[in-house]
Amino acid sequence: MTAWTGKIHKHETRLRLARLAWLHDSSIPIPGTRLSIGIDALIGLVPFIGDLAGVLASSYILAEAARLGVSRSVLMRMALNVALEGMVGIVPLAGDVFDAAWKANQRNVRLLEQWMRAPQGAERASLALVAGIALALSALVAVALLLMVLALRWLVNCC
């Protein structure tokens, strides 16, 4: 594949993924509003199975991004978008509203486009976000462990 056909392939892939993201996240206008939902929101109405199907469909965009050579940090950020949508989506009704508002697929296509325009900037921003989340989770675990130790100490001294 020449550099020219590689660029055409990347452009076609980006357009296909943008169309897929629009279909899943924004293809159905809500009458009387400027809001829209996609088929993911409708599929998500089926408890658990619908949310699982939505996550699997969203994973296709990640797989295509990986084939295009997107860096690990950007892929991790994209995976976090999908995971968040899937985890919150499990909550009945509230999860469906979140799914309709979060639009993980369109977020991921925007990340892909940002990476295609300026790979270093997208990688740096994604790495900073992923590192921040990891740091916050580590702090949460440390606080939970500290509280557990304090509670155990209190139980031992109390009884």
C-alpha atoms as a PDB file:
ATOM      1  CA  MET A   1       0.000   0.000   0.000  1.00  0.00           C
ATOM      2  CA  THR A   2       1.398   3.372  -0.971  1.00  0.00           C
ATOM      3  CA  ALA A   3       1.276   6.451   1.247  1.00  0.00           C
ATOM      4  CA  TRP A   4      -1.483   7.867  -0.950  1.00  0.00           C
ATOM      5  CA  THR A   5      -3.721   4.779  -0.739  1.00  0.00           C
ATOM      6  CA  GLY A   6      -2.989   4.598   3.004  1.00  0.00           C
ATOM      7  CA  LYS A   7      -4.308   8.148   3.429  1.00  0.00           C
ATOM      8  CA  ILE A   8      -7.401   7.318   1.387  1.00  0.00           C
ATOM      9  CA  HIS A   9      -7.978   4.176   3.474  1.00  0.00           C
ATOM     10  CA  LYS A  10      -7.649   6.153   6.733  1.00  0.00           C
ATOM     11  CA  HIS A  11     -10.008   8.838   5.433  1.00  0.00           C
ATOM     12  CA  GLU A  12     -12.603   6.251   4.344  1.00  0.00           C
ATOM     13  CA  THR A  13     -12.308   4.463   7.691  1.00  0.00           C
ATOM     14  CA  ARG A  14     -12.750   7.733   9.579  1.00  0.00           C
ATOM     15  CA  LEU A  15     -15.858   8.602   7.548  1.00  0.00           C
ATOM     16  CA  ARG A  16     -17.312   5.119   8.078  1.00  0.00           C
ATOM     17  CA  LEU A  17     -16.682   5.310  11.828  1.00  0.00           C
ATOM     18  CA  ALA A  18     -18.164   8.824  12.030  1.00  0.00           C
ATOM     19  CA  ARG A  19     -21.308   7.567  10.282  1.00  0.00           C
ATOM     20  CA  LEU A  20     -21.495   4.552  12.610  1.00  0.00           C
ATOM     21  CA  ALA A  21     -21.042   6.780  15.689  1.00  0.00           C
ATOM     22  CA  TRP A  22     -23.793   9.100  14.461  1.00  0.00           C
ATOM     23  CA  LEU A  23     -26.113   6.109  13.899  1.00  0.00           C
ATOM     24  CA  HIS A  24     -25.457   4.762  17.387  1.00  0.00           C
ATOM     25  CA  ASP A  25     -25.526   8.111  19.235  1.00  0.00           C
ATOM     26  CA  SER A  26     -27.524  10.786  17.385  1.00  0.00           C
ATOM     27  CA  SER A  27     -29.501   9.460  14.429  1.00  0.00           C
ATOM     28  CA  ILE A  28     -32.994   9.824  15.938  1.00  0.00           C
ATOM     29  CA  PRO A  29     -34.166  13.398  16.578  1.00  0.00           C
ATOM     30  CA  ILE A  30     -36.428  13.965  19.573  1.00  0.00           C
ATOM     31  CA  PRO A  31     -39.463  15.896  18.256  1.00  0.00           C
ATOM     32  CA  GLY A  32     -39.847  19.429  19.589  1.00  0.00           C
ATOM     33  CA  THR A  33     -36.251  19.617  20.846  1.00  0.00           C
ATOM     34  CA  ARG A  34     -32.751  20.059  19.464  1.00  0.00           C
ATOM     35  CA  LEU A  35     -31.782  16.779  21.117  1.00  0.00           C
ATOM     36  CA  SER A  36     -31.233  13.450  19.445  1.00  0.00           C
ATOM     37  CA  ILE A  37     -30.574   9.876  20.488  1.00  0.00           C
ATOM     38  CA  GLY A  38     -29.213   6.921  18.592  1.00  0.00           C
ATOM     39  CA  ILE A  39     -29.998   3.256  18.291  1.00  0.00           C
ATOM     40  CA  ASP A  40     -27.752   2.595  21.315  1.00  0.00           C
ATOM     41  CA  ALA A  41     -30.280   4.368  23.529  1.00  0.00           C
ATOM     42  CA  LEU A  42     -33.089   2.230  22.125  1.00  0.00           C
ATOM     43  CA  ILE A  43     -31.122  -1.007  22.392  1.00  0.00           C
ATOM     44  CA  GLY A  44     -30.127  -0.016  25.931  1.00  0.00           C
ATOM     45  CA  LEU A  45     -33.771  -0.114  26.994  1.00  0.00           C
ATOM     46  CA  VAL A  46     -33.491  -3.921  27.022  1.00  0.00           C
ATOM     47  CA  PRO A  47     -32.020  -4.606  30.472  1.00  0.00           C
ATOM     48  CA  PHE A  48     -28.415  -5.842  30.552  1.00  0.00           C
ATOM     49  CA  ILE A  49     -28.456  -7.486  27.098  1.00  0.00           C
ATOM     50  CA  GLY A  50     -29.074  -4.155  25.368  1.00  0.00           C
ATOM     51  CA  ASP A  51     -26.249  -2.490  27.275  1.00  0.00           C
ATOM     52  CA  LEU A  52     -23.917  -5.389  26.507  1.00  0.00           C
ATOM     53  CA  ALA A  53     -24.813  -5.168  22.810  1.00  0.00           C
ATOM     54  CA  GLY A  54     -24.132  -1.418  22.887  1.00  0.00           C
ATOM     55  CA  VAL A  55     -20.698  -1.939  24.458  1.00  0.00           C
ATOM     56  CA  LEU A  56     -19.839  -4.603  21.885  1.00  0.00           C
ATOM     57  CA  ALA A  57     -20.904  -2.314  19.043  1.00  0.00           C
ATOM     58  CA  SER A  58     -18.866   0.543  20.526  1.00  0.00           C
ATOM     59  CA  SER A  59     -15.851  -1.749  20.759  1.00  0.00           C
ATOM     60  CA  TYR A  60     -15.785  -1.945  16.965  1.00  0.00           C
ATOM     61  CA  ILE A  61     -14.674   1.692  16.827  1.00  0.00           C
ATOM     62  CA  LEU A  62     -11.847   0.872  19.245  1.00  0.00           C
ATOM     63  CA  ALA A  63     -10.775  -2.085  17.125  1.00  0.00           C
ATOM     64  CA  GLU A  64     -10.689   0.066  13.988  1.00  0.00           C
ATOM     65  CA  ALA A  65      -8.732   2.770  15.813  1.00  0.00           C
ATOM     66  CA  ALA A  66      -6.190   0.141  16.903  1.00  0.00           C
ATOM     67  CA  ARG A  67      -5.858  -1.039  13.280  1.00  0.00           C
ATOM     68  CA  LEU A  68      -5.139   2.565  12.267  1.00  0.00           C
ATOM     69  CA  GLY A  69      -2.267   2.641  14.754  1.00  0.00           C
ATOM     70  CA  VAL A  70      -3.769   4.856  17.471  1.00  0.00           C
ATOM     71  CA  SER A  71      -1.526   5.001  20.539  1.00  0.00           C
ATOM     72  CA  ARG A  72      -2.270   3.002  23.686  1.00  0.00           C
ATOM     73  CA  SER A  73      -3.046   6.086  25.740  1.00  0.00           C
ATOM     74  CA  VAL A  74      -5.698   7.241  23.257  1.00  0.00           C
ATOM     75  CA  LEU A  75      -7.105   3.703  23.030  1.00  0.00           C
ATOM     76  CA  MET A  76      -7.276   3.557  26.823  1.00  0.00           C
ATOM     77  CA  ARG A  77      -9.183   6.836  26.892  1.00  0.00           C
ATOM     78  CA  MET A  78     -11.559   5.527  24.239  1.00  0.00           C
ATOM     79  CA  ALA A  79     -12.044   2.322  26.224  1.00  0.00           C
ATOM     80  CA  LEU A  80     -12.798   4.386  29.342  1.00  0.00           C
ATOM     81  CA  ASN A  81     -15.530   6.218  27.414  1.00  0.00           C
ATOM     82  CA  VAL A  82     -17.117   2.918  26.405  1.00  0.00           C
ATOM     83  CA  ALA A  83     -16.682   1.360  29.859  1.00  0.00           C
ATOM     84  CA  LEU A  84     -18.261   4.348  31.577  1.00  0.00           C
ATOM     85  CA  GLU A  85     -21.204   4.292  29.204  1.00  0.00           C
ATOM     86  CA  GLY A  86     -21.601   0.536  29.712  1.00  0.00           C
ATOM     87  CA  MET A  87     -21.320   0.610  33.498  1.00  0.00           C
ATOM     88  CA  VAL A  88     -23.679   3.539  34.011  1.00  0.00           C
ATOM     89  CA  GLY A  89     -25.959   2.176  31.294  1.00  0.00           C
ATOM     90  CA  ILE A  90     -26.764  -0.838  33.449  1.00  0.00           C
ATOM     91  CA  VAL A  91     -28.718   1.408  35.856  1.00  0.00           C
ATOM     92  CA  PRO A  92     -32.348   1.286  34.701  1.00  0.00           C
ATOM     93  CA  LEU A  93     -33.674   4.474  33.102  1.00  0.00           C
ATOM     94  CA  ALA A  94     -30.948   6.776  34.535  1.00  0.00           C
ATOM     95  CA  GLY A  95     -28.366   4.757  32.612  1.00  0.00           C
ATOM     96  CA  ASP A  96     -30.342   5.148  29.408  1.00  0.00           C
ATOM     97  CA  VAL A  97     -30.506   8.916  29.914  1.00  0.00           C
ATOM     98  CA  PHE A  98     -26.749   8.980  30.571  1.00  0.00           C
ATOM     99  CA  ASP A  99     -26.128   6.861  27.459  1.00  0.00           C
ATOM    100  CA  ALA A 100     -28.141   9.281  25.337  1.00  0.00           C
ATOM    101  CA  ALA A 101     -26.206  12.261  26.725  1.00  0.00           C
ATOM    102  CA  TRP A 102     -22.658  10.815  26.952  1.00  0.00           C
ATOM    103  CA  LYS A 103     -22.459   9.648  23.313  1.00  0.00           C
ATOM    104  CA  ALA A 104     -19.291   7.583  23.765  1.00  0.00           C
ATOM    105  CA  ASN A 105     -19.064   6.632  20.090  1.00  0.00           C
ATOM    106  CA  GLN A 106     -19.004  10.227  18.896  1.00  0.00           C
ATOM    107  CA  ARG A 107     -16.516  11.112  21.639  1.00  0.00           C
ATOM    108  CA  ASN A 108     -14.283   8.299  20.421  1.00  0.00           C
ATOM    109  CA  VAL A 109     -14.504   9.341  16.782  1.00  0.00           C
ATOM    110  CA  ARG A 110     -13.553  12.898  17.818  1.00  0.00           C
ATOM    111  CA  LEU A 111     -10.565  11.469  19.711  1.00  0.00           C
ATOM    112  CA  LEU A 112      -9.602   9.479  16.613  1.00  0.00           C
ATOM    113  CA  GLU A 113      -9.852  12.599  14.437  1.00  0.00           C
ATOM    114  CA  GLN A 114      -7.807  14.585  16.964  1.00  0.00           C
ATOM    115  CA  TRP A 115      -5.165  11.853  16.938  1.00  0.00           C
ATOM    116  CA  MET A 116      -5.092  11.834  13.127  1.00  0.00           C
ATOM    117  CA  ARG A 117      -4.562  15.641  13.055  1.00  0.00           C
ATOM    118  CA  ALA A 118      -2.070  15.909  15.941  1.00  0.00           C
ATOM    119  CA  PRO A 119      -0.984  12.538  17.361  1.00  0.00           C
ATOM    120  CA  GLN A 120       1.317  13.948  20.060  1.00  0.00           C
ATOM    121  CA  GLY A 121      -1.306  16.349  21.426  1.00  0.00           C
ATOM    122  CA  ALA A 122      -3.990  13.657  21.556  1.00  0.00           C
ATOM    123  CA  GLU A 123      -1.586  11.217  23.203  1.00  0.00           C
ATOM    124  CA  ARG A 124      -0.466  13.767  25.784  1.00  0.00           C
ATOM    125  CA  ALA A 125      -4.040  14.756  26.702  1.00  0.00           C
ATOM    126  CA  SER A 126      -5.181  11.128  26.843  1.00  0.00           C
ATOM    127  CA  LEU A 127      -2.198  10.062  28.927  1.00  0.00           C
ATOM    128  CA  ALA A 128      -2.843  12.910  31.364  1.00  0.00           C
ATOM    129  CA  LEU A 129      -6.502  11.895  31.725  1.00  0.00           C
ATOM    130  CA  VAL A 130      -5.719   8.195  32.173  1.00  0.00           C
ATOM    131  CA  ALA A 131      -2.960   9.011  34.677  1.00  0.00           C
ATOM    132  CA  GLY A 132      -5.323  11.309  36.575  1.00  0.00           C
ATOM    133  CA  ILE A 133      -7.963   8.589  36.764  1.00  0.00           C
ATOM    134  CA  ALA A 134      -5.381   6.038  37.904  1.00  0.00           C
ATOM    135  CA  LEU A 135      -4.141   8.455  40.555  1.00  0.00           C
ATOM    136  CA  ALA A 136      -7.693   9.154  41.754  1.00  0.00           C
ATOM    137  CA  LEU A 137      -8.474   5.427  41.935  1.00  0.00           C
ATOM    138  CA  SER A 138      -5.236   4.804  43.835  1.00  0.00           C
ATOM    139  CA  ALA A 139      -6.138   7.546  46.315  1.00  0.00           C
ATOM    140  CA  LEU A 140      -9.621   6.064  46.701  1.00  0.00           C
ATOM    141  CA  VAL A 141      -8.168   2.614  47.425  1.00  0.00           C
ATOM    142  CA  ALA A 142      -5.679   4.118  49.917  1.00  0.00           C
ATOM    143  CA  VAL A 143      -8.463   5.977  51.738  1.00  0.00           C
ATOM    144  CA  ALA A 144     -10.633   2.836  51.790  1.00  0.00           C
ATOM    145  CA  LEU A 145      -7.749   0.788  53.217  1.00  0.00           C
ATOM    146  CA  LEU A 146      -7.022   3.455  55.825  1.00  0.00           C
ATOM    147  CA  LEU A 147     -10.678   3.537  56.870  1.00  0.00           C
ATOM    148  CA  MET A 148     -10.713  -0.258  57.061  1.00  0.00           C
ATOM    149  CA  VAL A 149      -7.613  -0.279  59.296  1.00  0.00           C
ATOM    150  CA  LEU A 150      -9.107   2.410  61.541  1.00  0.00           C
ATOM    151  CA  ALA A 151     -12.392   0.496  61.777  1.00  0.00           C
ATOM    152  CA  LEU A 152     -10.595  -2.730  62.648  1.00  0.00           C
ATOM    153  CA  ARG A 153      -8.484  -0.955  65.255  1.00  0.00           C
ATOM    154  CA  TRP A 154     -11.637   0.545  66.753  1.00  0.00           C
ATOM    155  CA  LEU A 155     -13.324  -2.893  66.829  1.00  0.00           C
ATOM    156  CA  VAL A 156     -10.315  -4.519  68.502  1.00  0.00           C
ATOM    157  CA  ASN A 157     -10.027  -1.776  71.141  1.00  0.00           C
ATOM    158  CA  CYS A 158     -13.770  -1.518  71.640  1.00  0.00           C
ATOM    159  CA  CYS A 159     -14.642  -5.153  72.235  1.00  0.00           C
END
